[in-house]
Amino acid sequence: IIFIIIIVSLFIYLFIIIIIIIPRRVEAVLAAKGDHNTGIGKTTAIDLAKRGARVILACRSQQRGEAALAEVKRESGSSQVVFMQLDLASLKSVRDFAETFLRTEPRLDLLINNAGIYMQGKTKDGLGLMFGVNHIGHFLLTNLLLDRLKECGPSRVINVASVGHNFGIIDFNCLNTHKALGQGDSFYDVLKIYCNSKLCNVLFTHELAKRLQGTKVTCYSLHPGAINSELARNTSSLFQVLLIPITAFFFKNTVQGAQTTLHCALQEGLEPLSGRYFSNCTARNLYPKAKDDVAAKKLWELSERLSGLV
């Protein structure tokens, strides 16, 4: 039981997108280094705001988003932090957000896709919830903002994945039939579907890097580590109680957990490693299935269709 709890808790992250606009006056400094509204996402936002970046927090809940906005401003001492509403479970919301952002914000230097929900259900468009939020929402948002990223290059896309991708598979037959990465409500089924969605993050990054060759945009995926934050917010009360002693003593705090994201966002000299997967601020080797060119291209083409890009 303890082993299962430890493994599962590695995989539950927060539903957050962070977009960073680096002012030209500090662009060189930040490019040379490196809401959901809690955990490593908020910690990342605070760190970047302290460095002088203009930060846009995009999350589904206006109440929680505005609370995070106030805390990020207070902790960073920066007024250059903005909240914008975004529901990754709605393709219309993603498109509306991108349209508003492109109309109101002239720059985009970093796009940090830090979403990851661990729960069953359907999106507003009929996709499996974990597939729709953890992958398709990111895929659509990134593609809608790619031209702006290219205009503002050098720029970066950061996809927060999970070590759980090692246990994932991409069942294209199931995706074509059910618009989901798997079916079932058992503990094992839900965990498997989550891992499948995180494999999508890694394959998406792999294919994106290939398509960005020749531009000044690079991309990276990463595992932040097991984080002691609101990991089990969408799980049962019993599960949350069981997690308390484990997360308190064995997991990273949010400052430690944000370091690989910050490394991929700000460390100079990472451009030759575009498309790579990072853990503990180090590029890691992947199993063949996580860098399969055929599977990555097939997933991209399917994602284009399901997100309405084609």
C-alpha atoms as a PDB file:
ATOM      1  CA  ILE A   1       0.000   0.000   0.000  1.00  0.00           C
ATOM      2  CA  ILE A   2       2.748   2.471   0.966  1.00  0.00           C
ATOM      3  CA  PHE A   3       4.647   1.759  -2.254  1.00  0.00           C
ATOM      4  CA  ILE A   4       1.534   2.388  -4.333  1.00  0.00           C
ATOM      5  CA  ILE A   5       0.816   5.642  -2.498  1.00  0.00           C
ATOM      6  CA  ILE A   6       4.357   6.900  -3.072  1.00  0.00           C
ATOM      7  CA  ILE A   7       4.202   6.058  -6.771  1.00  0.00           C
ATOM      8  CA  VAL A   8       0.797   7.658  -7.283  1.00  0.00           C
ATOM      9  CA  SER A   9       1.718  10.813  -5.431  1.00  0.00           C
ATOM     10  CA  LEU A  10       4.595  11.350  -7.852  1.00  0.00           C
ATOM     11  CA  PHE A  11       2.017  11.837 -10.563  1.00  0.00           C
ATOM     12  CA  ILE A  12      -0.481  14.365  -9.210  1.00  0.00           C
ATOM     13  CA  TYR A  13       0.344  17.910 -10.238  1.00  0.00           C
ATOM     14  CA  LEU A  14      -1.483  21.195 -10.416  1.00  0.00           C
ATOM     15  CA  PHE A  15      -3.710  22.473 -13.160  1.00  0.00           C
ATOM     16  CA  ILE A  16      -1.758  25.562 -14.202  1.00  0.00           C
ATOM     17  CA  ILE A  17      -0.399  27.425 -17.139  1.00  0.00           C
ATOM     18  CA  ILE A  18       2.126  30.199 -16.603  1.00  0.00           C
ATOM     19  CA  ILE A  19       3.021  32.593 -19.357  1.00  0.00           C
ATOM     20  CA  ILE A  20       6.065  34.797 -18.979  1.00  0.00           C
ATOM     21  CA  ILE A  21       6.694  38.028 -20.831  1.00  0.00           C
ATOM     22  CA  ILE A  22      10.251  39.215 -20.296  1.00  0.00           C
ATOM     23  CA  PRO A  23      10.611  43.000 -20.694  1.00  0.00           C
ATOM     24  CA  ARG A  24      13.203  44.033 -23.260  1.00  0.00           C
ATOM     25  CA  ARG A  25      15.178  45.912 -20.627  1.00  0.00           C
ATOM     26  CA  VAL A  26      15.877  42.630 -18.782  1.00  0.00           C
ATOM     27  CA  GLU A  27      15.452  40.190 -21.652  1.00  0.00           C
ATOM     28  CA  ALA A  28      19.133  39.349 -21.899  1.00  0.00           C
ATOM     29  CA  VAL A  29      19.414  38.660 -18.179  1.00  0.00           C
ATOM     30  CA  LEU A  30      16.428  36.362 -18.029  1.00  0.00           C
ATOM     31  CA  ALA A  31      17.128  34.613 -21.303  1.00  0.00           C
ATOM     32  CA  ALA A  32      20.641  33.941 -20.075  1.00  0.00           C
ATOM     33  CA  LYS A  33      19.389  32.294 -16.893  1.00  0.00           C
ATOM     34  CA  GLY A  34      16.547  31.195 -16.394  1.00  0.00           C
ATOM     35  CA  ASP A  35      -3.500  28.622 -12.037  1.00  0.00           C
ATOM     36  CA  HIS A  36      -3.866  26.493 -10.943  1.00  0.00           C
ATOM     37  CA  ASN A  37      -2.668  28.700  -8.353  1.00  0.00           C
ATOM     38  CA  THR A  38      -0.692  26.760  -5.786  1.00  0.00           C
ATOM     39  CA  GLY A  39       2.365  24.541  -5.492  1.00  0.00           C
ATOM     40  CA  ILE A  40       5.290  24.702  -7.888  1.00  0.00           C
ATOM     41  CA  GLY A  41       3.387  26.875 -10.351  1.00  0.00           C
ATOM     42  CA  LYS A  42       2.955  29.696  -7.884  1.00  0.00           C
ATOM     43  CA  THR A  43       6.521  29.288  -6.606  1.00  0.00           C
ATOM     44  CA  THR A  44       7.811  29.478 -10.197  1.00  0.00           C
ATOM     45  CA  ALA A  45       5.778  32.624 -10.796  1.00  0.00           C
ATOM     46  CA  ILE A  46       7.160  34.289  -7.662  1.00  0.00           C
ATOM     47  CA  ASP A  47      10.740  33.506  -8.649  1.00  0.00           C
ATOM     48  CA  LEU A  48      10.314  34.838 -12.181  1.00  0.00           C
ATOM     49  CA  ALA A  49       8.505  37.968 -11.015  1.00  0.00           C
ATOM     50  CA  LYS A  50      11.375  38.691  -8.623  1.00  0.00           C
ATOM     51  CA  ARG A  51      13.720  38.556 -11.617  1.00  0.00           C
ATOM     52  CA  GLY A  52      11.783  41.303 -13.391  1.00  0.00           C
ATOM     53  CA  ALA A  53       9.608  39.248 -15.727  1.00  0.00           C
ATOM     54  CA  ARG A  54       6.045  40.197 -16.491  1.00  0.00           C
ATOM     55  CA  VAL A  55       4.071  37.123 -15.463  1.00  0.00           C
ATOM     56  CA  ILE A  56       0.606  36.119 -16.532  1.00  0.00           C
ATOM     57  CA  LEU A  57      -1.084  33.494 -14.373  1.00  0.00           C
ATOM     58  CA  ALA A  58      -3.745  31.649 -16.342  1.00  0.00           C
ATOM     59  CA  CYS A  59      -6.113  29.302 -14.521  1.00  0.00           C
ATOM     60  CA  ARG A  60      -9.693  28.132 -14.452  1.00  0.00           C
ATOM     61  CA  SER A  61     -10.914  29.457 -11.103  1.00  0.00           C
ATOM     62  CA  GLN A  62     -11.168  33.221 -10.906  1.00  0.00           C
ATOM     63  CA  GLN A  63     -11.375  33.168  -7.104  1.00  0.00           C
ATOM     64  CA  ARG A  64      -8.292  30.989  -6.658  1.00  0.00           C
ATOM     65  CA  GLY A  65      -6.484  32.756  -9.469  1.00  0.00           C
ATOM     66  CA  GLU A  66      -6.986  36.173  -7.932  1.00  0.00           C
ATOM     67  CA  ALA A  67      -5.862  34.844  -4.544  1.00  0.00           C
ATOM     68  CA  ALA A  68      -2.687  33.476  -6.169  1.00  0.00           C
ATOM     69  CA  LEU A  69      -2.198  36.780  -7.986  1.00  0.00           C
ATOM     70  CA  ALA A  70      -2.276  38.701  -4.721  1.00  0.00           C
ATOM     71  CA  GLU A  71       0.205  36.323  -3.093  1.00  0.00           C
ATOM     72  CA  VAL A  72       2.624  36.360  -6.036  1.00  0.00           C
ATOM     73  CA  LYS A  73       2.589  40.158  -6.064  1.00  0.00           C
ATOM     74  CA  ARG A  74       3.119  40.304  -2.302  1.00  0.00           C
ATOM     75  CA  GLU A  75       5.916  37.723  -2.194  1.00  0.00           C
ATOM     76  CA  SER A  76       7.751  39.027  -5.261  1.00  0.00           C
ATOM     77  CA  GLY A  77       7.247  42.737  -4.686  1.00  0.00           C
ATOM     78  CA  SER A  78       6.353  43.049  -8.380  1.00  0.00           C
ATOM     79  CA  SER A  79       3.342  44.762  -9.891  1.00  0.00           C
ATOM     80  CA  GLN A  80       3.999  43.100 -13.256  1.00  0.00           C
ATOM     81  CA  VAL A  81       1.841  40.057 -12.513  1.00  0.00           C
ATOM     82  CA  VAL A  82      -1.563  39.539 -14.152  1.00  0.00           C
ATOM     83  CA  PHE A  83      -4.328  36.958 -13.852  1.00  0.00           C
ATOM     84  CA  MET A  84      -6.229  35.751 -16.920  1.00  0.00           C
ATOM     85  CA  GLN A  85      -8.927  33.090 -16.863  1.00  0.00           C
ATOM     86  CA  LEU A  86      -8.305  29.874 -18.799  1.00  0.00           C
ATOM     87  CA  ASP A  87     -10.082  26.518 -18.658  1.00  0.00           C
ATOM     88  CA  LEU A  88      -7.967  23.854 -20.354  1.00  0.00           C
ATOM     89  CA  ALA A  89     -10.971  21.531 -20.335  1.00  0.00           C
ATOM     90  CA  SER A  90     -12.644  23.785 -22.927  1.00  0.00           C
ATOM     91  CA  LEU A  91     -11.177  24.312 -26.384  1.00  0.00           C
ATOM     92  CA  LYS A  92     -13.270  27.479 -26.710  1.00  0.00           C
ATOM     93  CA  SER A  93     -11.758  28.831 -23.497  1.00  0.00           C
ATOM     94  CA  VAL A  94      -8.257  28.088 -24.786  1.00  0.00           C
ATOM     95  CA  ARG A  95      -9.004  29.921 -28.043  1.00  0.00           C
ATOM     96  CA  ASP A  96     -10.600  32.858 -26.217  1.00  0.00           C
ATOM     97  CA  PHE A  97      -7.605  33.109 -23.921  1.00  0.00           C
ATOM     98  CA  ALA A  98      -5.135  33.049 -26.812  1.00  0.00           C
ATOM     99  CA  GLU A  99      -7.109  35.690 -28.684  1.00  0.00           C
ATOM    100  CA  THR A 100      -7.220  37.989 -25.655  1.00  0.00           C
ATOM    101  CA  PHE A 101      -3.569  37.434 -24.875  1.00  0.00           C
ATOM    102  CA  LEU A 102      -2.393  38.145 -28.421  1.00  0.00           C
ATOM    103  CA  ARG A 103      -4.506  41.300 -28.517  1.00  0.00           C
ATOM    104  CA  THR A 104      -3.323  42.695 -25.184  1.00  0.00           C
ATOM    105  CA  GLU A 105       0.246  41.465 -24.691  1.00  0.00           C
ATOM    106  CA  PRO A 106       2.949  42.353 -27.242  1.00  0.00           C
ATOM    107  CA  ARG A 107       5.608  39.885 -26.008  1.00  0.00           C
ATOM    108  CA  LEU A 108       5.900  36.227 -25.125  1.00  0.00           C
ATOM    109  CA  ASP A 109       9.280  34.829 -24.107  1.00  0.00           C
ATOM    110  CA  LEU A 110       8.369  31.759 -22.051  1.00  0.00           C
ATOM    111  CA  LEU A 111       5.327  29.529 -22.105  1.00  0.00           C
ATOM    112  CA  ILE A 112       5.268  27.144 -19.141  1.00  0.00           C
ATOM    113  CA  ASN A 113       2.632  24.419 -19.461  1.00  0.00           C
ATOM    114  CA  ASN A 114       2.356  23.102 -15.921  1.00  0.00           C
ATOM    115  CA  ALA A 115      -1.046  21.436 -15.971  1.00  0.00           C
ATOM    116  CA  GLY A 116      -1.749  17.968 -14.686  1.00  0.00           C
ATOM    117  CA  ILE A 117      -4.996  16.696 -13.237  1.00  0.00           C
ATOM    118  CA  TYR A 118      -5.525  13.235 -11.826  1.00  0.00           C
ATOM    119  CA  MET A 119      -9.236  12.499 -12.107  1.00  0.00           C
ATOM    120  CA  GLN A 120     -11.688  10.891 -14.494  1.00  0.00           C
ATOM    121  CA  GLY A 121     -14.386  12.651 -16.460  1.00  0.00           C
ATOM    122  CA  LYS A 122     -14.952  14.400 -19.767  1.00  0.00           C
ATOM    123  CA  THR A 123     -13.981  17.815 -21.063  1.00  0.00           C
ATOM    124  CA  LYS A 124     -16.580  20.208 -22.447  1.00  0.00           C
ATOM    125  CA  ASP A 125     -15.653  18.892 -25.903  1.00  0.00           C
ATOM    126  CA  GLY A 126     -16.169  15.227 -25.033  1.00  0.00           C
ATOM    127  CA  LEU A 127     -12.507  14.286 -24.643  1.00  0.00           C
ATOM    128  CA  GLY A 128     -11.221  12.188 -21.768  1.00  0.00           C
ATOM    129  CA  LEU A 129     -10.525  14.721 -19.008  1.00  0.00           C
ATOM    130  CA  MET A 130      -6.893  13.819 -18.336  1.00  0.00           C
ATOM    131  CA  PHE A 131      -6.117  13.579 -22.050  1.00  0.00           C
ATOM    132  CA  GLY A 132      -7.974  16.823 -22.753  1.00  0.00           C
ATOM    133  CA  VAL A 133      -6.433  18.894 -19.971  1.00  0.00           C
ATOM    134  CA  ASN A 134      -2.982  17.354 -19.612  1.00  0.00           C
ATOM    135  CA  HIS A 135      -2.266  17.188 -23.347  1.00  0.00           C
ATOM    136  CA  ILE A 136      -4.796  18.641 -25.811  1.00  0.00           C
ATOM    137  CA  GLY A 137      -5.256  21.915 -23.909  1.00  0.00           C
ATOM    138  CA  HIS A 138      -1.486  22.448 -23.857  1.00  0.00           C
ATOM    139  CA  PHE A 139      -1.147  21.392 -27.492  1.00  0.00           C
ATOM    140  CA  LEU A 140      -3.764  23.870 -28.718  1.00  0.00           C
ATOM    141  CA  LEU A 141      -2.557  26.754 -26.548  1.00  0.00           C
ATOM    142  CA  THR A 142       1.055  26.279 -27.620  1.00  0.00           C
ATOM    143  CA  ASN A 143       0.164  26.183 -31.291  1.00  0.00           C
ATOM    144  CA  LEU A 144      -2.025  29.280 -31.035  1.00  0.00           C
ATOM    145  CA  LEU A 145       0.862  31.197 -29.428  1.00  0.00           C
ATOM    146  CA  LEU A 146       3.715  29.832 -31.557  1.00  0.00           C
ATOM    147  CA  ASP A 147       3.864  32.762 -33.973  1.00  0.00           C
ATOM    148  CA  ARG A 148       4.255  35.205 -31.094  1.00  0.00           C
ATOM    149  CA  LEU A 149       6.965  33.033 -29.554  1.00  0.00           C
ATOM    150  CA  LYS A 150       8.802  33.020 -32.882  1.00  0.00           C
ATOM    151  CA  GLU A 151       8.509  36.803 -33.183  1.00  0.00           C
ATOM    152  CA  CYS A 152      10.017  37.261 -29.710  1.00  0.00           C
ATOM    153  CA  GLY A 153      12.773  34.656 -29.991  1.00  0.00           C
ATOM    154  CA  PRO A 154      14.903  33.431 -28.454  1.00  0.00           C
ATOM    155  CA  SER A 155      11.989  31.989 -26.523  1.00  0.00           C
ATOM    156  CA  ARG A 156      11.104  28.692 -24.848  1.00  0.00           C
ATOM    157  CA  VAL A 157       8.200  26.321 -24.242  1.00  0.00           C
ATOM    158  CA  ILE A 158       8.357  24.264 -21.034  1.00  0.00           C
ATOM    159  CA  ASN A 159       6.091  21.228 -20.623  1.00  0.00           C
ATOM    160  CA  VAL A 160       5.884  19.872 -17.086  1.00  0.00           C
ATOM    161  CA  ALA A 161       5.488  16.113 -17.485  1.00  0.00           C
ATOM    162  CA  SER A 162       6.185  13.346 -14.955  1.00  0.00           C
ATOM    163  CA  VAL A 163       8.355  10.304 -14.407  1.00  0.00           C
ATOM    164  CA  GLY A 164       5.006   8.537 -14.785  1.00  0.00           C
ATOM    165  CA  HIS A 165       5.403   8.786 -18.553  1.00  0.00           C
ATOM    166  CA  ASN A 166       7.670   5.734 -18.267  1.00  0.00           C
ATOM    167  CA  PHE A 167       4.584   3.654 -17.461  1.00  0.00           C
ATOM    168  CA  GLY A 168       2.410   5.159 -20.194  1.00  0.00           C
ATOM    169  CA  ILE A 169       1.323   3.902 -23.601  1.00  0.00           C
ATOM    170  CA  ILE A 170      -0.502   5.644 -26.450  1.00  0.00           C
ATOM    171  CA  ASP A 171      -3.473   3.564 -27.562  1.00  0.00           C
ATOM    172  CA  PHE A 172      -4.363   5.224 -30.869  1.00  0.00           C
ATOM    173  CA  ASN A 173      -7.301   2.890 -31.435  1.00  0.00           C
ATOM    174  CA  CYS A 174      -8.841   3.986 -28.139  1.00  0.00           C
ATOM    175  CA  LEU A 175      -8.129   7.635 -28.927  1.00  0.00           C
ATOM    176  CA  ASN A 176      -9.809   7.378 -32.310  1.00  0.00           C
ATOM    177  CA  THR A 177     -12.815   5.557 -30.888  1.00  0.00           C
ATOM    178  CA  HIS A 178     -13.362   7.170 -27.496  1.00  0.00           C
ATOM    179  CA  LYS A 179     -11.299  10.418 -27.651  1.00  0.00           C
ATOM    180  CA  ALA A 180      -9.615   9.211 -24.483  1.00  0.00           C
ATOM    181  CA  LEU A 181      -6.366   7.499 -23.507  1.00  0.00           C
ATOM    182  CA  GLY A 182      -8.185   4.620 -21.833  1.00  0.00           C
ATOM    183  CA  GLN A 183     -11.341   3.741 -19.985  1.00  0.00           C
ATOM    184  CA  GLY A 184     -12.253   2.526 -16.525  1.00  0.00           C
ATOM    185  CA  ASP A 185     -12.765   3.878 -13.032  1.00  0.00           C
ATOM    186  CA  SER A 186     -10.577   1.585 -10.962  1.00  0.00           C
ATOM    187  CA  PHE A 187      -7.514   2.860  -9.133  1.00  0.00           C
ATOM    188  CA  TYR A 188      -5.268   1.142 -11.659  1.00  0.00           C
ATOM    189  CA  ASP A 189      -7.198   2.417 -14.695  1.00  0.00           C
ATOM    190  CA  VAL A 190      -7.078   6.034 -13.557  1.00  0.00           C
ATOM    191  CA  LEU A 191      -3.357   5.831 -12.779  1.00  0.00           C
ATOM    192  CA  LYS A 192      -2.674   4.246 -16.164  1.00  0.00           C
ATOM    193  CA  ILE A 193      -4.587   6.955 -18.018  1.00  0.00           C
ATOM    194  CA  TYR A 194      -2.687   9.647 -16.134  1.00  0.00           C
ATOM    195  CA  CYS A 195       0.653   8.088 -17.079  1.00  0.00           C
ATOM    196  CA  ASN A 196      -0.514   7.875 -20.684  1.00  0.00           C
ATOM    197  CA  SER A 197      -1.261  11.600 -20.680  1.00  0.00           C
ATOM    198  CA  LYS A 198       2.204  12.382 -19.356  1.00  0.00           C
ATOM    199  CA  LEU A 199       3.747  10.303 -22.143  1.00  0.00           C
ATOM    200  CA  CYS A 200       1.810  12.568 -24.500  1.00  0.00           C
ATOM    201  CA  ASN A 201       3.583  15.574 -22.934  1.00  0.00           C
ATOM    202  CA  VAL A 202       6.995  14.071 -23.636  1.00  0.00           C
ATOM    203  CA  LEU A 203       6.146  12.986 -27.189  1.00  0.00           C
ATOM    204  CA  PHE A 204       4.589  16.399 -27.887  1.00  0.00           C
ATOM    205  CA  THR A 205       7.831  18.076 -26.811  1.00  0.00           C
ATOM    206  CA  HIS A 206       9.861  15.693 -28.971  1.00  0.00           C
ATOM    207  CA  GLU A 207       7.834  16.452 -32.098  1.00  0.00           C
ATOM    208  CA  LEU A 208       7.571  20.175 -31.339  1.00  0.00           C
ATOM    209  CA  ALA A 209      11.361  20.455 -31.214  1.00  0.00           C
ATOM    210  CA  LYS A 210      11.626  18.926 -34.671  1.00  0.00           C
ATOM    211  CA  ARG A 211       9.057  21.360 -36.072  1.00  0.00           C
ATOM    212  CA  LEU A 212      10.817  24.327 -34.464  1.00  0.00           C
ATOM    213  CA  GLN A 213      14.188  23.620 -36.041  1.00  0.00           C
ATOM    214  CA  GLY A 214      15.447  26.722 -37.804  1.00  0.00           C
ATOM    215  CA  THR A 215      13.532  29.064 -35.477  1.00  0.00           C
ATOM    216  CA  LYS A 216      14.639  30.744 -32.264  1.00  0.00           C
ATOM    217  CA  VAL A 217      12.115  28.800 -30.181  1.00  0.00           C
ATOM    218  CA  THR A 218      13.219  25.773 -28.147  1.00  0.00           C
ATOM    219  CA  CYS A 219      11.218  23.417 -25.943  1.00  0.00           C
ATOM    220  CA  TYR A 220      11.800  21.052 -23.025  1.00  0.00           C
ATOM    221  CA  SER A 221       9.809  18.560 -20.943  1.00  0.00           C
ATOM    222  CA  LEU A 222      10.571  17.735 -17.343  1.00  0.00           C
ATOM    223  CA  HIS A 223       9.794  15.812 -14.181  1.00  0.00           C
ATOM    224  CA  PRO A 224       9.731  18.209 -11.191  1.00  0.00           C
ATOM    225  CA  GLY A 225       9.996  15.461  -8.598  1.00  0.00           C
ATOM    226  CA  ALA A 226       7.537  14.386  -5.933  1.00  0.00           C
ATOM    227  CA  ILE A 227       6.203  17.638  -4.514  1.00  0.00           C
ATOM    228  CA  ASN A 228       4.785  18.293  -1.067  1.00  0.00           C
ATOM    229  CA  SER A 229       1.973  20.625  -2.137  1.00  0.00           C
ATOM    230  CA  GLU A 230      -1.739  20.145  -2.884  1.00  0.00           C
ATOM    231  CA  LEU A 231      -0.985  16.827  -4.527  1.00  0.00           C
ATOM    232  CA  ALA A 232      -4.105  14.951  -3.530  1.00  0.00           C
ATOM    233  CA  ARG A 233      -6.721  17.685  -3.773  1.00  0.00           C
ATOM    234  CA  ASN A 234      -8.865  15.676  -6.207  1.00  0.00           C
ATOM    235  CA  THR A 235      -8.549  12.347  -4.396  1.00  0.00           C
ATOM    236  CA  SER A 236     -10.514  10.792  -1.535  1.00  0.00           C
ATOM    237  CA  SER A 237     -10.229  12.005   2.054  1.00  0.00           C
ATOM    238  CA  LEU A 238      -8.701   8.681   3.118  1.00  0.00           C
ATOM    239  CA  PHE A 239      -6.037   8.951   0.434  1.00  0.00           C
ATOM    240  CA  GLN A 240      -5.224  12.509   1.523  1.00  0.00           C
ATOM    241  CA  VAL A 241      -4.810  11.409   5.143  1.00  0.00           C
ATOM    242  CA  LEU A 242      -2.524   8.541   4.126  1.00  0.00           C
ATOM    243  CA  LEU A 243      -0.360  10.926   2.107  1.00  0.00           C
ATOM    244  CA  ILE A 244       0.289  13.418   4.910  1.00  0.00           C
ATOM    245  CA  PRO A 245       3.220  11.656   6.664  1.00  0.00           C
ATOM    246  CA  ILE A 246       4.776  10.610   3.360  1.00  0.00           C
ATOM    247  CA  THR A 247       4.665  14.035   1.730  1.00  0.00           C
ATOM    248  CA  ALA A 248       5.807  15.768   4.887  1.00  0.00           C
ATOM    249  CA  PHE A 249       9.021  13.774   5.284  1.00  0.00           C
ATOM    250  CA  PHE A 250      10.003  12.401   1.894  1.00  0.00           C
ATOM    251  CA  PHE A 251       8.854  14.866  -0.765  1.00  0.00           C
ATOM    252  CA  LYS A 252      10.344  18.096  -2.090  1.00  0.00           C
ATOM    253  CA  ASN A 253       8.903  21.394  -0.997  1.00  0.00           C
ATOM    254  CA  THR A 254       7.613  23.702  -3.711  1.00  0.00           C
ATOM    255  CA  VAL A 255      10.821  25.755  -3.913  1.00  0.00           C
ATOM    256  CA  GLN A 256      12.857  22.607  -4.539  1.00  0.00           C
ATOM    257  CA  GLY A 257      10.228  21.281  -6.931  1.00  0.00           C
ATOM    258  CA  ALA A 258      10.277  24.427  -9.069  1.00  0.00           C
ATOM    259  CA  GLN A 259      14.015  24.287  -9.736  1.00  0.00           C
ATOM    260  CA  THR A 260      13.930  22.068 -12.830  1.00  0.00           C
ATOM    261  CA  THR A 261      11.230  24.252 -14.381  1.00  0.00           C
ATOM    262  CA  LEU A 262      13.329  27.348 -13.702  1.00  0.00           C
ATOM    263  CA  HIS A 263      16.425  25.618 -15.031  1.00  0.00           C
ATOM    264  CA  CYS A 264      14.707  24.770 -18.330  1.00  0.00           C
ATOM    265  CA  ALA A 265      13.225  28.247 -18.565  1.00  0.00           C
ATOM    266  CA  LEU A 266      16.280  30.327 -17.758  1.00  0.00           C
ATOM    267  CA  GLN A 267      19.549  28.407 -17.946  1.00  0.00           C
ATOM    268  CA  GLU A 268      21.723  29.635 -20.793  1.00  0.00           C
ATOM    269  CA  GLY A 269      23.139  27.231 -23.350  1.00  0.00           C
ATOM    270  CA  LEU A 270      20.225  24.762 -23.393  1.00  0.00           C
ATOM    271  CA  GLU A 271      19.315  25.428 -27.024  1.00  0.00           C
ATOM    272  CA  PRO A 272      21.173  22.346 -28.374  1.00  0.00           C
ATOM    273  CA  LEU A 273      19.081  20.235 -25.965  1.00  0.00           C
ATOM    274  CA  SER A 274      15.722  21.318 -27.398  1.00  0.00           C
ATOM    275  CA  GLY A 275      13.212  18.499 -27.190  1.00  0.00           C
ATOM    276  CA  ARG A 276      15.005  16.766 -24.313  1.00  0.00           C
ATOM    277  CA  TYR A 277      13.494  15.597 -21.018  1.00  0.00           C
ATOM    278  CA  PHE A 278      14.923  16.914 -17.723  1.00  0.00           C
ATOM    279  CA  SER A 279      14.868  15.744 -14.122  1.00  0.00           C
ATOM    280  CA  ASN A 280      16.747  17.345 -11.226  1.00  0.00           C
ATOM    281  CA  CYS A 281      18.007  20.034 -13.619  1.00  0.00           C
ATOM    282  CA  THR A 282      19.730  17.436 -15.794  1.00  0.00           C
ATOM    283  CA  ALA A 283      18.877  16.112 -19.267  1.00  0.00           C
ATOM    284  CA  ARG A 284      17.900  12.453 -18.963  1.00  0.00           C
ATOM    285  CA  ASN A 285      17.810   9.580 -21.397  1.00  0.00           C
ATOM    286  CA  LEU A 286      14.380   8.350 -22.437  1.00  0.00           C
ATOM    287  CA  TYR A 287      13.022   4.907 -23.197  1.00  0.00           C
ATOM    288  CA  PRO A 288      12.501   4.392 -26.949  1.00  0.00           C
ATOM    289  CA  LYS A 289       8.712   4.801 -26.673  1.00  0.00           C
ATOM    290  CA  ALA A 290       9.130   8.361 -25.342  1.00  0.00           C
ATOM    291  CA  LYS A 291      11.183   9.495 -28.339  1.00  0.00           C
ATOM    292  CA  ASP A 292       9.525   7.434 -31.060  1.00  0.00           C
ATOM    293  CA  ASP A 293       9.396   9.638 -34.171  1.00  0.00           C
ATOM    294  CA  VAL A 294       6.484   7.760 -35.733  1.00  0.00           C
ATOM    295  CA  ALA A 295       4.356   7.821 -32.586  1.00  0.00           C
ATOM    296  CA  ALA A 296       5.148  11.502 -31.923  1.00  0.00           C
ATOM    297  CA  LYS A 297       4.142  12.514 -35.463  1.00  0.00           C
ATOM    298  CA  LYS A 298       0.979  10.401 -35.295  1.00  0.00           C
ATOM    299  CA  LEU A 299       0.042  11.947 -31.939  1.00  0.00           C
ATOM    300  CA  TRP A 300       0.627  15.442 -33.357  1.00  0.00           C
ATOM    301  CA  GLU A 301      -1.631  14.814 -36.343  1.00  0.00           C
ATOM    302  CA  LEU A 302      -4.354  13.304 -34.156  1.00  0.00           C
ATOM    303  CA  SER A 303      -4.069  16.230 -31.722  1.00  0.00           C
ATOM    304  CA  GLU A 304      -4.440  18.705 -34.585  1.00  0.00           C
ATOM    305  CA  ARG A 305      -7.710  17.058 -35.553  1.00  0.00           C
ATOM    306  CA  LEU A 306      -9.111  16.713 -32.030  1.00  0.00           C
ATOM    307  CA  SER A 307      -8.220  20.307 -31.118  1.00  0.00           C
ATOM    308  CA  GLY A 308      -9.729  21.717 -34.310  1.00  0.00           C
ATOM    309  CA  LEU A 309      -6.476  23.069 -35.723  1.00  0.00           C
ATOM    310  CA  VAL A 310      -7.157  21.242 -39.006  1.00  0.00           C
END
